[in-house]
Amino acid sequence: MKIKEIMDRLHKYVKKPVKNPNPFRVLITTILSQRTRDENTDEASATLFAVYRTPEQIANAPTEEVEKLIKKAGFFRVKAKRVKEVSRIIHEDYKDVVPDDINELLALPGVGRKTANCVLVYGFRLNAIPVDVHVHRISNRLGLVETKSPDETELELTKIVPEDYWLDLNESFVRFGQDICRPIGPKHEECPINDLCDFYRDMKNESS
């Protein structure tokens, strides 16, 4: 099967999972990641959690202080309100325990399917397929799916990807997308799966 060959070749992009993941930190970090670069997300998250570590602490922190700590993530005023509200709900309604149910995660303000699935995969090591712009782009370029939106891509991938690969798909595709299969200027000749890629095949046919 094509997807198995793709995942096997991209396995080098998957790091060893964190031994004791923190679902709350994964949740807040993924909210901060919306519409910003990974390096800015990581810096903002590290800065925030160096000062406030628990849902209760973030919920009760002064908004201006949270804004300052997460400024690197961009849209910091909107995100500060969001992470404070999510933290309040986790503290008050869930007794500081992030739910591992996708429907409960989706009910949190500002949490879409990508964020919810990231919490399941990276926070709980539960089978899910988070689909961001990288996963959506690469899946379509490879010809695995023909979809218009990340949510459609997630649905189609769950139909064709064996569950053994679900935990690693997001990380491998994201890192591969940053390194090789970039939005602009993909490194076709360095690509370890170019012989499996519809996008590369079509490009070569057009140029021949």
N, C-alpha and C. Protein backbone atom coordinates (compact mmCIF):
# COMPACT_ATOMS: atom_id res chain seq x y z
N MET A 1 0.85 -1.21 0.00
CA MET A 1 0.00 0.00 0.00
C MET A 1 0.88 1.25 0.00
N LYS A 2 0.48 2.24 -0.78
CA LYS A 2 1.28 3.46 -0.95
C LYS A 2 1.54 4.17 0.38
N ILE A 3 0.54 4.30 1.22
CA ILE A 3 0.70 5.04 2.47
C ILE A 3 1.73 4.36 3.38
N LYS A 4 1.78 3.03 3.37
CA LYS A 4 2.75 2.33 4.20
C LYS A 4 4.17 2.64 3.75
N GLU A 5 4.39 2.64 2.44
CA GLU A 5 5.71 2.95 1.91
C GLU A 5 6.10 4.38 2.25
N ILE A 6 5.16 5.30 2.13
CA ILE A 6 5.42 6.71 2.46
C ILE A 6 5.80 6.85 3.94
N MET A 7 5.02 6.26 4.82
CA MET A 7 5.28 6.39 6.25
C MET A 7 6.61 5.74 6.64
N ASP A 8 6.93 4.63 6.02
CA ASP A 8 8.20 3.96 6.33
C ASP A 8 9.38 4.83 5.93
N ARG A 9 9.29 5.48 4.78
CA ARG A 9 10.40 6.32 4.31
C ARG A 9 10.51 7.62 5.10
N LEU A 10 9.40 8.09 5.63
CA LEU A 10 9.42 9.36 6.39
C LEU A 10 9.61 9.15 7.88
N HIS A 11 9.85 7.92 8.29
CA HIS A 11 9.95 7.63 9.72
C HIS A 11 11.09 8.39 10.40
N LYS A 12 12.11 8.75 9.64
CA LYS A 12 13.25 9.47 10.23
C LYS A 12 12.83 10.82 10.81
N TYR A 13 11.69 11.33 10.39
CA TYR A 13 11.23 12.63 10.87
C TYR A 13 10.49 12.52 12.21
N VAL A 14 10.26 11.31 12.69
CA VAL A 14 9.52 11.11 13.93
C VAL A 14 10.49 10.96 15.09
N LYS A 15 10.34 11.83 16.07
CA LYS A 15 11.17 11.75 17.27
C LYS A 15 10.53 10.79 18.28
N LYS A 16 11.33 10.34 19.24
CA LYS A 16 10.78 9.51 20.30
C LYS A 16 9.75 10.31 21.08
N PRO A 17 8.60 9.70 21.39
CA PRO A 17 7.57 10.44 22.12
C PRO A 17 8.03 10.81 23.53
N VAL A 18 7.50 11.91 24.02
CA VAL A 18 7.78 12.32 25.39
C VAL A 18 7.26 11.26 26.35
N LYS A 19 8.08 10.87 27.33
CA LYS A 19 7.70 9.79 28.23
C LYS A 19 6.48 10.14 29.08
N ASN A 20 6.46 11.33 29.61
CA ASN A 20 5.35 11.75 30.46
C ASN A 20 4.75 13.05 29.91
N PRO A 21 3.97 12.94 28.85
CA PRO A 21 3.41 14.15 28.24
C PRO A 21 2.46 14.88 29.17
N ASN A 22 2.38 16.18 28.99
CA ASN A 22 1.50 17.03 29.80
C ASN A 22 0.36 17.51 28.90
N PRO A 23 -0.81 16.88 28.98
CA PRO A 23 -1.91 17.25 28.08
C PRO A 23 -2.30 18.72 28.17
N PHE A 24 -2.22 19.31 29.36
CA PHE A 24 -2.58 20.71 29.49
C PHE A 24 -1.60 21.60 28.73
N ARG A 25 -0.33 21.31 28.85
CA ARG A 25 0.67 22.10 28.12
C ARG A 25 0.50 21.92 26.61
N VAL A 26 0.21 20.70 26.18
CA VAL A 26 -0.03 20.45 24.76
C VAL A 26 -1.23 21.28 24.29
N LEU A 27 -2.29 21.30 25.07
CA LEU A 27 -3.49 22.05 24.71
C LEU A 27 -3.19 23.53 24.56
N ILE A 28 -2.58 24.12 25.56
CA ILE A 28 -2.30 25.56 25.52
C ILE A 28 -1.30 25.89 24.41
N THR A 29 -0.28 25.08 24.24
CA THR A 29 0.72 25.32 23.21
C THR A 29 0.09 25.26 21.82
N THR A 30 -0.81 24.32 21.61
CA THR A 30 -1.44 24.20 20.30
C THR A 30 -2.37 25.38 20.03
N ILE A 31 -3.03 25.89 21.05
CA ILE A 31 -3.83 27.10 20.88
C ILE A 31 -2.92 28.27 20.50
N LEU A 32 -1.77 28.37 21.14
CA LEU A 32 -0.82 29.44 20.82
C LEU A 32 -0.27 29.30 19.41
N SER A 33 -0.26 28.08 18.88
CA SER A 33 0.36 27.84 17.57
C SER A 33 -0.49 28.33 16.41
N GLN A 34 -1.73 28.66 16.67
CA GLN A 34 -2.62 29.06 15.58
C GLN A 34 -2.12 30.34 14.91
N ARG A 35 -1.92 30.24 13.61
CA ARG A 35 -1.49 31.36 12.76
C ARG A 35 -0.13 31.93 13.17
N THR A 36 0.79 31.06 13.51
CA THR A 36 2.14 31.54 13.82
C THR A 36 3.14 30.43 13.53
N ARG A 37 4.41 30.78 13.52
CA ARG A 37 5.47 29.83 13.21
C ARG A 37 5.81 28.98 14.43
N ASP A 38 6.29 27.76 14.15
CA ASP A 38 6.57 26.82 15.24
C ASP A 38 7.57 27.37 16.25
N GLU A 39 8.62 28.02 15.74
CA GLU A 39 9.65 28.52 16.66
C GLU A 39 9.09 29.62 17.58
N ASN A 40 8.17 30.43 17.05
CA ASN A 40 7.55 31.47 17.88
C ASN A 40 6.60 30.84 18.91
N THR A 41 5.90 29.79 18.48
CA THR A 41 5.02 29.07 19.40
C THR A 41 5.81 28.48 20.55
N ASP A 42 6.91 27.82 20.22
CA ASP A 42 7.72 27.16 21.25
C ASP A 42 8.27 28.17 22.26
N GLU A 43 8.69 29.33 21.74
CA GLU A 43 9.24 30.35 22.63
C GLU A 43 8.15 30.92 23.54
N ALA A 44 6.98 31.21 22.96
CA ALA A 44 5.88 31.76 23.76
C ALA A 44 5.41 30.77 24.82
N SER A 45 5.30 29.51 24.43
CA SER A 45 4.87 28.49 25.39
C SER A 45 5.87 28.33 26.52
N ALA A 46 7.15 28.26 26.18
CA ALA A 46 8.18 28.10 27.20
C ALA A 46 8.18 29.28 28.17
N THR A 47 7.99 30.48 27.63
CA THR A 47 7.97 31.68 28.46
C THR A 47 6.77 31.68 29.41
N LEU A 48 5.61 31.29 28.87
CA LEU A 48 4.39 31.24 29.69
C LEU A 48 4.51 30.22 30.80
N PHE A 49 4.94 29.00 30.46
CA PHE A 49 4.96 27.92 31.44
C PHE A 49 6.14 28.03 32.41
N ALA A 50 7.08 28.91 32.11
CA ALA A 50 8.15 29.17 33.08
C ALA A 50 7.61 29.97 34.27
N VAL A 51 6.50 30.68 34.05
CA VAL A 51 5.91 31.52 35.10
C VAL A 51 4.64 30.88 35.69
N TYR A 52 3.77 30.40 34.82
CA TYR A 52 2.51 29.80 35.24
C TYR A 52 2.44 28.36 34.72
N ARG A 53 2.19 27.40 35.59
CA ARG A 53 2.27 25.99 35.21
C ARG A 53 0.92 25.26 35.21
N THR A 54 -0.01 25.73 35.98
CA THR A 54 -1.27 24.98 36.14
C THR A 54 -2.45 25.74 35.54
N PRO A 55 -3.54 25.05 35.27
CA PRO A 55 -4.74 25.74 34.77
C PRO A 55 -5.20 26.85 35.71
N GLU A 56 -5.16 26.59 37.01
CA GLU A 56 -5.59 27.60 37.96
C GLU A 56 -4.70 28.84 37.90
N GLN A 57 -3.40 28.63 37.81
CA GLN A 57 -2.47 29.76 37.77
C GLN A 57 -2.68 30.62 36.54
N ILE A 58 -2.86 29.98 35.38
CA ILE A 58 -3.08 30.76 34.15
C ILE A 58 -4.44 31.45 34.19
N ALA A 59 -5.44 30.75 34.67
CA ALA A 59 -6.78 31.33 34.74
C ALA A 59 -6.81 32.58 35.61
N ASN A 60 -6.03 32.58 36.69
CA ASN A 60 -6.03 33.71 37.63
C ASN A 60 -4.95 34.74 37.35
N ALA A 61 -4.12 34.49 36.36
CA ALA A 61 -3.04 35.43 36.03
C ALA A 61 -3.61 36.70 35.41
N PRO A 62 -2.99 37.86 35.66
CA PRO A 62 -3.43 39.09 35.02
C PRO A 62 -3.34 38.97 33.49
N THR A 63 -4.38 39.39 32.81
CA THR A 63 -4.41 39.28 31.35
C THR A 63 -3.21 39.95 30.71
N GLU A 64 -2.85 41.13 31.23
CA GLU A 64 -1.73 41.87 30.66
C GLU A 64 -0.42 41.10 30.79
N GLU A 65 -0.28 40.36 31.88
CA GLU A 65 0.93 39.57 32.09
C GLU A 65 0.98 38.39 31.11
N VAL A 66 -0.16 37.74 30.91
CA VAL A 66 -0.21 36.63 29.96
C VAL A 66 0.08 37.15 28.55
N GLU A 67 -0.48 38.30 28.21
CA GLU A 67 -0.22 38.89 26.89
C GLU A 67 1.27 39.11 26.67
N LYS A 68 1.92 39.63 27.69
CA LYS A 68 3.35 39.91 27.58
C LYS A 68 4.15 38.62 27.40
N LEU A 69 3.77 37.59 28.13
CA LEU A 69 4.51 36.32 28.09
C LEU A 69 4.36 35.59 26.76
N ILE A 70 3.18 35.73 26.12
CA ILE A 70 2.93 34.98 24.88
C ILE A 70 3.03 35.87 23.63
N LYS A 71 3.54 37.08 23.79
CA LYS A 71 3.54 38.03 22.68
C LYS A 71 4.19 37.48 21.42
N LYS A 72 5.22 36.66 21.59
CA LYS A 72 5.95 36.11 20.44
C LYS A 72 5.05 35.27 19.54
N ALA A 73 3.95 34.75 20.08
CA ALA A 73 3.07 33.89 19.30
C ALA A 73 2.16 34.67 18.35
N GLY A 74 2.13 35.99 18.48
CA GLY A 74 1.26 36.78 17.62
C GLY A 74 -0.19 36.72 18.08
N PHE A 75 -0.98 37.72 17.66
CA PHE A 75 -2.39 37.80 18.05
C PHE A 75 -2.53 37.58 19.56
N PHE A 76 -1.58 38.15 20.31
CA PHE A 76 -1.43 37.80 21.72
C PHE A 76 -2.60 38.25 22.59
N ARG A 77 -3.30 39.30 22.20
CA ARG A 77 -4.44 39.74 23.01
C ARG A 77 -5.59 38.73 22.91
N VAL A 78 -5.88 38.30 21.71
CA VAL A 78 -6.93 37.29 21.51
C VAL A 78 -6.53 35.98 22.17
N LYS A 79 -5.29 35.57 21.97
CA LYS A 79 -4.84 34.29 22.52
C LYS A 79 -4.76 34.31 24.04
N ALA A 80 -4.42 35.44 24.62
CA ALA A 80 -4.35 35.53 26.08
C ALA A 80 -5.73 35.29 26.69
N LYS A 81 -6.75 35.90 26.13
CA LYS A 81 -8.11 35.70 26.62
C LYS A 81 -8.53 34.24 26.45
N ARG A 82 -8.11 33.67 25.31
CA ARG A 82 -8.52 32.30 25.01
C ARG A 82 -7.87 31.30 25.97
N VAL A 83 -6.57 31.43 26.17
CA VAL A 83 -5.89 30.46 27.04
C VAL A 83 -6.33 30.63 28.49
N LYS A 84 -6.68 31.86 28.89
CA LYS A 84 -7.19 32.06 30.24
C LYS A 84 -8.57 31.41 30.40
N GLU A 85 -9.42 31.56 29.40
CA GLU A 85 -10.76 30.98 29.49
C GLU A 85 -10.70 29.45 29.45
N VAL A 86 -9.87 28.91 28.57
CA VAL A 86 -9.71 27.45 28.51
C VAL A 86 -9.15 26.93 29.83
N SER A 87 -8.19 27.63 30.37
CA SER A 87 -7.60 27.24 31.66
C SER A 87 -8.64 27.27 32.77
N ARG A 88 -9.49 28.29 32.75
CA ARG A 88 -10.54 28.39 33.77
C ARG A 88 -11.49 27.19 33.68
N ILE A 89 -11.87 26.82 32.46
CA ILE A 89 -12.79 25.69 32.27
C ILE A 89 -12.13 24.39 32.73
N ILE A 90 -10.87 24.20 32.35
CA ILE A 90 -10.17 22.97 32.77
C ILE A 90 -10.06 22.91 34.29
N HIS A 91 -9.82 24.04 34.91
CA HIS A 91 -9.70 24.08 36.37
C HIS A 91 -11.05 23.87 37.06
N GLU A 92 -12.06 24.63 36.63
CA GLU A 92 -13.34 24.61 37.34
C GLU A 92 -14.21 23.41 36.96
N ASP A 93 -14.26 23.08 35.70
CA ASP A 93 -15.18 22.03 35.24
C ASP A 93 -14.55 20.63 35.21
N TYR A 94 -13.23 20.60 35.06
CA TYR A 94 -12.56 19.30 34.93
C TYR A 94 -11.54 19.03 36.02
N LYS A 95 -11.54 19.89 37.05
CA LYS A 95 -10.65 19.69 38.20
C LYS A 95 -9.18 19.53 37.76
N ASP A 96 -8.80 20.38 36.82
CA ASP A 96 -7.41 20.47 36.33
C ASP A 96 -6.97 19.29 35.45
N VAL A 97 -7.92 18.44 35.05
CA VAL A 97 -7.58 17.29 34.20
C VAL A 97 -8.16 17.51 32.81
N VAL A 98 -7.28 17.60 31.81
CA VAL A 98 -7.73 17.81 30.43
C VAL A 98 -8.47 16.56 29.96
N PRO A 99 -9.66 16.72 29.37
CA PRO A 99 -10.39 15.54 28.90
C PRO A 99 -9.70 14.89 27.70
N ASP A 100 -9.86 13.57 27.60
CA ASP A 100 -9.27 12.86 26.46
C ASP A 100 -10.35 12.43 25.47
N ASP A 101 -11.45 13.14 25.46
CA ASP A 101 -12.56 12.89 24.56
C ASP A 101 -12.64 14.02 23.54
N ILE A 102 -12.65 13.69 22.26
CA ILE A 102 -12.57 14.74 21.24
C ILE A 102 -13.75 15.69 21.30
N ASN A 103 -14.93 15.21 21.61
CA ASN A 103 -16.10 16.08 21.65
C ASN A 103 -16.00 17.09 22.80
N GLU A 104 -15.48 16.65 23.93
CA GLU A 104 -15.29 17.58 25.04
C GLU A 104 -14.20 18.59 24.72
N LEU A 105 -13.16 18.16 24.05
CA LEU A 105 -12.10 19.09 23.64
C LEU A 105 -12.64 20.12 22.65
N LEU A 106 -13.44 19.67 21.70
CA LEU A 106 -14.00 20.57 20.69
C LEU A 106 -14.96 21.59 21.30
N ALA A 107 -15.50 21.28 22.46
CA ALA A 107 -16.42 22.21 23.13
C ALA A 107 -15.68 23.36 23.80
N LEU A 108 -14.36 23.24 23.95
CA LEU A 108 -13.57 24.32 24.55
C LEU A 108 -13.45 25.48 23.57
N PRO A 109 -13.49 26.73 24.05
CA PRO A 109 -13.42 27.89 23.15
C PRO A 109 -12.11 27.93 22.37
N GLY A 110 -12.23 28.11 21.06
CA GLY A 110 -11.05 28.24 20.22
C GLY A 110 -10.38 26.94 19.86
N VAL A 111 -10.99 25.82 20.23
CA VAL A 111 -10.38 24.52 19.94
C VAL A 111 -11.08 23.87 18.75
N GLY A 112 -10.35 23.74 17.65
CA GLY A 112 -10.87 23.06 16.47
C GLY A 112 -10.35 21.63 16.41
N ARG A 113 -10.58 20.98 15.30
CA ARG A 113 -10.23 19.58 15.18
C ARG A 113 -8.71 19.37 15.24
N LYS A 114 -7.95 20.27 14.61
CA LYS A 114 -6.50 20.08 14.65
C LYS A 114 -5.98 20.13 16.09
N THR A 115 -6.42 21.13 16.82
CA THR A 115 -5.97 21.28 18.21
C THR A 115 -6.42 20.09 19.05
N ALA A 116 -7.68 19.70 18.91
CA ALA A 116 -8.19 18.57 19.69
C ALA A 116 -7.41 17.29 19.38
N ASN A 117 -7.16 17.05 18.11
CA ASN A 117 -6.42 15.84 17.73
C ASN A 117 -4.97 15.89 18.18
N CYS A 118 -4.38 17.09 18.20
CA CYS A 118 -3.02 17.22 18.72
C CYS A 118 -2.96 16.85 20.20
N VAL A 119 -3.98 17.25 20.95
CA VAL A 119 -4.02 16.90 22.37
C VAL A 119 -4.12 15.38 22.53
N LEU A 120 -4.95 14.76 21.73
CA LEU A 120 -5.10 13.30 21.81
C LEU A 120 -3.79 12.59 21.49
N VAL A 121 -3.12 13.04 20.41
CA VAL A 121 -1.90 12.37 19.96
C VAL A 121 -0.71 12.68 20.87
N TYR A 122 -0.46 13.98 21.08
CA TYR A 122 0.76 14.38 21.79
C TYR A 122 0.57 14.44 23.32
N GLY A 123 -0.67 14.61 23.75
CA GLY A 123 -0.92 14.68 25.19
C GLY A 123 -1.26 13.34 25.81
N PHE A 124 -1.94 12.50 25.02
CA PHE A 124 -2.41 11.22 25.56
C PHE A 124 -1.90 10.00 24.80
N ARG A 125 -1.25 10.20 23.65
CA ARG A 125 -0.80 9.10 22.80
C ARG A 125 -1.98 8.21 22.40
N LEU A 126 -3.08 8.88 22.04
CA LEU A 126 -4.25 8.19 21.54
C LEU A 126 -4.33 8.37 20.02
N ASN A 127 -4.83 7.36 19.34
CA ASN A 127 -4.88 7.41 17.89
C ASN A 127 -5.78 8.52 17.37
N ALA A 128 -5.19 9.40 16.59
CA ALA A 128 -5.91 10.48 15.91
C ALA A 128 -4.99 11.01 14.82
N ILE A 129 -5.54 11.78 13.91
CA ILE A 129 -4.73 12.36 12.84
C ILE A 129 -4.93 13.87 12.83
N PRO A 130 -4.07 14.63 13.51
CA PRO A 130 -4.16 16.09 13.42
C PRO A 130 -3.77 16.55 12.02
N VAL A 131 -4.57 17.39 11.42
CA VAL A 131 -4.30 17.87 10.07
C VAL A 131 -4.13 19.38 10.09
N ASP A 132 -2.90 19.82 9.83
CA ASP A 132 -2.61 21.24 9.68
C ASP A 132 -2.34 21.52 8.21
N VAL A 133 -1.79 22.70 7.91
CA VAL A 133 -1.56 23.06 6.51
C VAL A 133 -0.55 22.12 5.85
N HIS A 134 0.45 21.66 6.61
CA HIS A 134 1.45 20.75 6.05
C HIS A 134 0.82 19.42 5.66
N VAL A 135 0.09 18.82 6.59
CA VAL A 135 -0.53 17.52 6.34
C VAL A 135 -1.53 17.62 5.18
N HIS A 136 -2.30 18.70 5.16
CA HIS A 136 -3.28 18.91 4.09
C HIS A 136 -2.58 19.04 2.74
N ARG A 137 -1.54 19.86 2.67
CA ARG A 137 -0.82 20.08 1.42
C ARG A 137 -0.15 18.81 0.91
N ILE A 138 0.57 18.14 1.80
CA ILE A 138 1.34 16.96 1.40
C ILE A 138 0.42 15.81 0.99
N SER A 139 -0.65 15.62 1.71
CA SER A 139 -1.59 14.55 1.39
C SER A 139 -2.18 14.73 0.00
N ASN A 140 -2.46 15.99 -0.37
CA ASN A 140 -2.99 16.26 -1.70
C ASN A 140 -1.91 16.16 -2.77
N ARG A 141 -0.71 16.64 -2.48
CA ARG A 141 0.37 16.54 -3.45
C ARG A 141 0.70 15.08 -3.77
N LEU A 142 0.70 14.25 -2.75
CA LEU A 142 1.01 12.84 -2.95
C LEU A 142 -0.09 12.10 -3.70
N GLY A 143 -1.28 12.67 -3.70
CA GLY A 143 -2.40 12.00 -4.33
C GLY A 143 -3.12 11.03 -3.40
N LEU A 144 -2.84 11.16 -2.12
CA LEU A 144 -3.55 10.32 -1.15
C LEU A 144 -5.01 10.73 -1.04
N VAL A 145 -5.24 12.04 -1.16
CA VAL A 145 -6.60 12.58 -1.07
C VAL A 145 -6.76 13.67 -2.13
N GLU A 146 -8.00 14.03 -2.38
CA GLU A 146 -8.32 15.20 -3.20
C GLU A 146 -9.34 16.00 -2.41
N THR A 147 -8.84 16.91 -1.58
CA THR A 147 -9.72 17.61 -0.65
C THR A 147 -9.47 19.11 -0.68
N LYS A 148 -10.46 19.84 -0.19
CA LYS A 148 -10.39 21.30 -0.18
C LYS A 148 -10.01 21.87 1.18
N SER A 149 -10.23 21.11 2.25
CA SER A 149 -9.99 21.66 3.58
C SER A 149 -9.30 20.63 4.47
N PRO A 150 -8.62 21.09 5.52
CA PRO A 150 -8.00 20.16 6.47
C PRO A 150 -8.98 19.18 7.10
N ASP A 151 -10.19 19.63 7.42
CA ASP A 151 -11.17 18.73 8.01
C ASP A 151 -11.54 17.60 7.05
N GLU A 152 -11.69 17.93 5.76
CA GLU A 152 -11.96 16.89 4.76
C GLU A 152 -10.78 15.93 4.67
N THR A 153 -9.56 16.50 4.73
CA THR A 153 -8.37 15.67 4.64
C THR A 153 -8.31 14.69 5.80
N GLU A 154 -8.61 15.16 7.00
CA GLU A 154 -8.62 14.28 8.16
C GLU A 154 -9.57 13.11 7.96
N LEU A 155 -10.77 13.41 7.50
CA LEU A 155 -11.78 12.37 7.29
C LEU A 155 -11.29 11.32 6.29
N GLU A 156 -10.73 11.79 5.19
CA GLU A 156 -10.28 10.85 4.15
C GLU A 156 -9.06 10.05 4.61
N LEU A 157 -8.16 10.68 5.34
CA LEU A 157 -6.98 9.95 5.82
C LEU A 157 -7.36 8.85 6.80
N THR A 158 -8.35 9.12 7.64
CA THR A 158 -8.76 8.08 8.59
C THR A 158 -9.33 6.85 7.88
N LYS A 159 -9.75 7.03 6.64
CA LYS A 159 -10.29 5.91 5.87
C LYS A 159 -9.19 5.06 5.24
N ILE A 160 -8.05 5.69 4.91
CA ILE A 160 -7.05 4.97 4.12
C ILE A 160 -5.76 4.67 4.87
N VAL A 161 -5.53 5.35 5.99
CA VAL A 161 -4.28 5.15 6.74
C VAL A 161 -4.51 4.11 7.84
N PRO A 162 -3.74 3.02 7.85
CA PRO A 162 -3.86 2.05 8.95
C PRO A 162 -3.61 2.73 10.29
N GLU A 163 -4.34 2.34 11.31
CA GLU A 163 -4.24 3.01 12.60
C GLU A 163 -2.85 2.92 13.21
N ASP A 164 -2.06 1.95 12.81
CA ASP A 164 -0.68 1.84 13.30
C ASP A 164 0.14 3.08 12.98
N TYR A 165 -0.29 3.84 11.97
CA TYR A 165 0.48 5.00 11.53
C TYR A 165 -0.11 6.33 12.01
N TRP A 166 -1.27 6.29 12.65
CA TRP A 166 -1.94 7.54 13.01
C TRP A 166 -1.10 8.41 13.95
N LEU A 167 -0.48 7.81 14.95
CA LEU A 167 0.25 8.59 15.94
C LEU A 167 1.43 9.35 15.33
N ASP A 168 2.03 8.80 14.29
CA ASP A 168 3.24 9.39 13.72
C ASP A 168 2.98 10.25 12.49
N LEU A 169 1.79 10.17 11.92
CA LEU A 169 1.56 10.84 10.64
C LEU A 169 1.75 12.35 10.72
N ASN A 170 1.17 12.99 11.71
CA ASN A 170 1.26 14.44 11.81
C ASN A 170 2.71 14.89 11.93
N GLU A 171 3.44 14.30 12.85
CA GLU A 171 4.82 14.73 13.07
C GLU A 171 5.69 14.50 11.84
N SER A 172 5.55 13.34 11.22
CA SER A 172 6.38 13.04 10.06
C SER A 172 6.06 13.97 8.89
N PHE A 173 4.78 14.22 8.65
CA PHE A 173 4.39 15.10 7.54
C PHE A 173 4.77 16.56 7.82
N VAL A 174 4.60 17.00 9.06
CA VAL A 174 4.93 18.39 9.39
C VAL A 174 6.43 18.65 9.22
N ARG A 175 7.24 17.78 9.77
CA ARG A 175 8.70 17.97 9.67
C ARG A 175 9.17 17.81 8.23
N PHE A 176 8.60 16.87 7.52
CA PHE A 176 8.91 16.68 6.10
C PHE A 176 8.48 17.92 5.30
N GLY A 177 7.35 18.49 5.67
CA GLY A 177 6.86 19.68 4.98
C GLY A 177 7.72 20.90 5.23
N GLN A 178 8.30 20.99 6.41
CA GLN A 178 9.19 22.11 6.73
C GLN A 178 10.56 21.94 6.07
N ASP A 179 10.98 20.69 5.93
CA ASP A 179 12.32 20.38 5.44
C ASP A 179 12.39 20.24 3.92
N ILE A 180 11.45 19.49 3.34
CA ILE A 180 11.51 19.14 1.92
C ILE A 180 10.30 19.64 1.12
N CYS A 181 9.12 19.19 1.54
CA CYS A 181 7.90 19.47 0.76
C CYS A 181 7.30 20.81 1.18
N ARG A 182 8.07 21.86 0.95
CA ARG A 182 7.68 23.21 1.39
C ARG A 182 6.58 23.78 0.49
N PRO A 183 5.79 24.73 1.02
CA PRO A 183 4.71 25.31 0.22
C PRO A 183 5.23 25.93 -1.07
N ILE A 184 6.34 26.67 -0.95
CA ILE A 184 6.97 27.30 -2.11
C ILE A 184 8.39 26.76 -2.22
N GLY A 185 8.76 26.33 -3.40
CA GLY A 185 10.10 25.81 -3.61
C GLY A 185 10.37 24.48 -2.96
N PRO A 186 9.48 23.50 -3.17
CA PRO A 186 9.75 22.17 -2.61
C PRO A 186 11.02 21.57 -3.21
N LYS A 187 11.76 20.82 -2.41
CA LYS A 187 13.04 20.26 -2.85
C LYS A 187 12.79 18.88 -3.50
N HIS A 188 12.30 18.93 -4.73
CA HIS A 188 11.89 17.70 -5.39
C HIS A 188 13.02 16.68 -5.51
N GLU A 189 14.21 17.15 -5.88
CA GLU A 189 15.30 16.20 -6.14
C GLU A 189 15.84 15.57 -4.87
N GLU A 190 15.60 16.21 -3.72
CA GLU A 190 16.05 15.64 -2.45
C GLU A 190 14.97 14.81 -1.77
N CYS A 191 13.79 14.79 -2.35
CA CYS A 191 12.63 14.16 -1.71
C CYS A 191 12.77 12.63 -1.72
N PRO A 192 12.64 12.02 -0.55
CA PRO A 192 12.77 10.56 -0.47
C PRO A 192 11.55 9.80 -0.98
N ILE A 193 10.48 10.52 -1.32
CA ILE A 193 9.27 9.85 -1.80
C ILE A 193 8.79 10.44 -3.12
N ASN A 194 9.68 11.06 -3.89
CA ASN A 194 9.24 11.71 -5.13
C ASN A 194 8.69 10.71 -6.15
N ASP A 195 9.13 9.44 -6.05
CA ASP A 195 8.61 8.43 -6.97
C ASP A 195 7.19 8.00 -6.61
N LEU A 196 6.71 8.43 -5.45
CA LEU A 196 5.35 8.11 -5.01
C LEU A 196 4.42 9.32 -5.07
N CYS A 197 4.93 10.42 -5.62
CA CYS A 197 4.22 11.71 -5.55
C CYS A 197 3.57 12.09 -6.88
N ASP A 198 2.26 12.25 -6.87
CA ASP A 198 1.53 12.66 -8.06
C ASP A 198 1.94 14.06 -8.51
N PHE A 199 2.17 14.94 -7.55
CA PHE A 199 2.55 16.33 -7.85
C PHE A 199 3.88 16.37 -8.63
N TYR A 200 4.85 15.59 -8.18
CA TYR A 200 6.16 15.54 -8.84
C TYR A 200 6.04 14.90 -10.21
N ARG A 201 5.26 13.83 -10.32
CA ARG A 201 5.08 13.16 -11.60
C ARG A 201 4.43 14.10 -12.62
N ASP A 202 3.38 14.81 -12.19
CA ASP A 202 2.71 15.73 -13.09
C ASP A 202 3.62 16.87 -13.51
N MET A 203 4.44 17.37 -12.60
CA MET A 203 5.36 18.45 -12.91
C MET A 203 6.39 18.00 -13.95
N LYS A 204 6.89 16.78 -13.80
CA LYS A 204 7.87 16.26 -14.76
C LYS A 204 7.24 16.04 -16.13
N ASN A 205 6.00 15.56 -16.14
CA ASN A 205 5.31 15.34 -17.41
C ASN A 205 5.08 16.65 -18.15
N GLU A 206 4.75 17.70 -17.38
CA GLU A 206 4.51 19.00 -18.01
C GLU A 206 5.76 19.62 -18.59
N SER A 207 6.90 19.32 -17.98
CA SER A 207 8.16 19.90 -18.42
C SER A 207 8.85 19.08 -19.52
N SER A 208 8.35 17.89 -19.77
CA SER A 208 8.98 17.03 -20.77
C SER A 208 8.38 17.23 -22.16
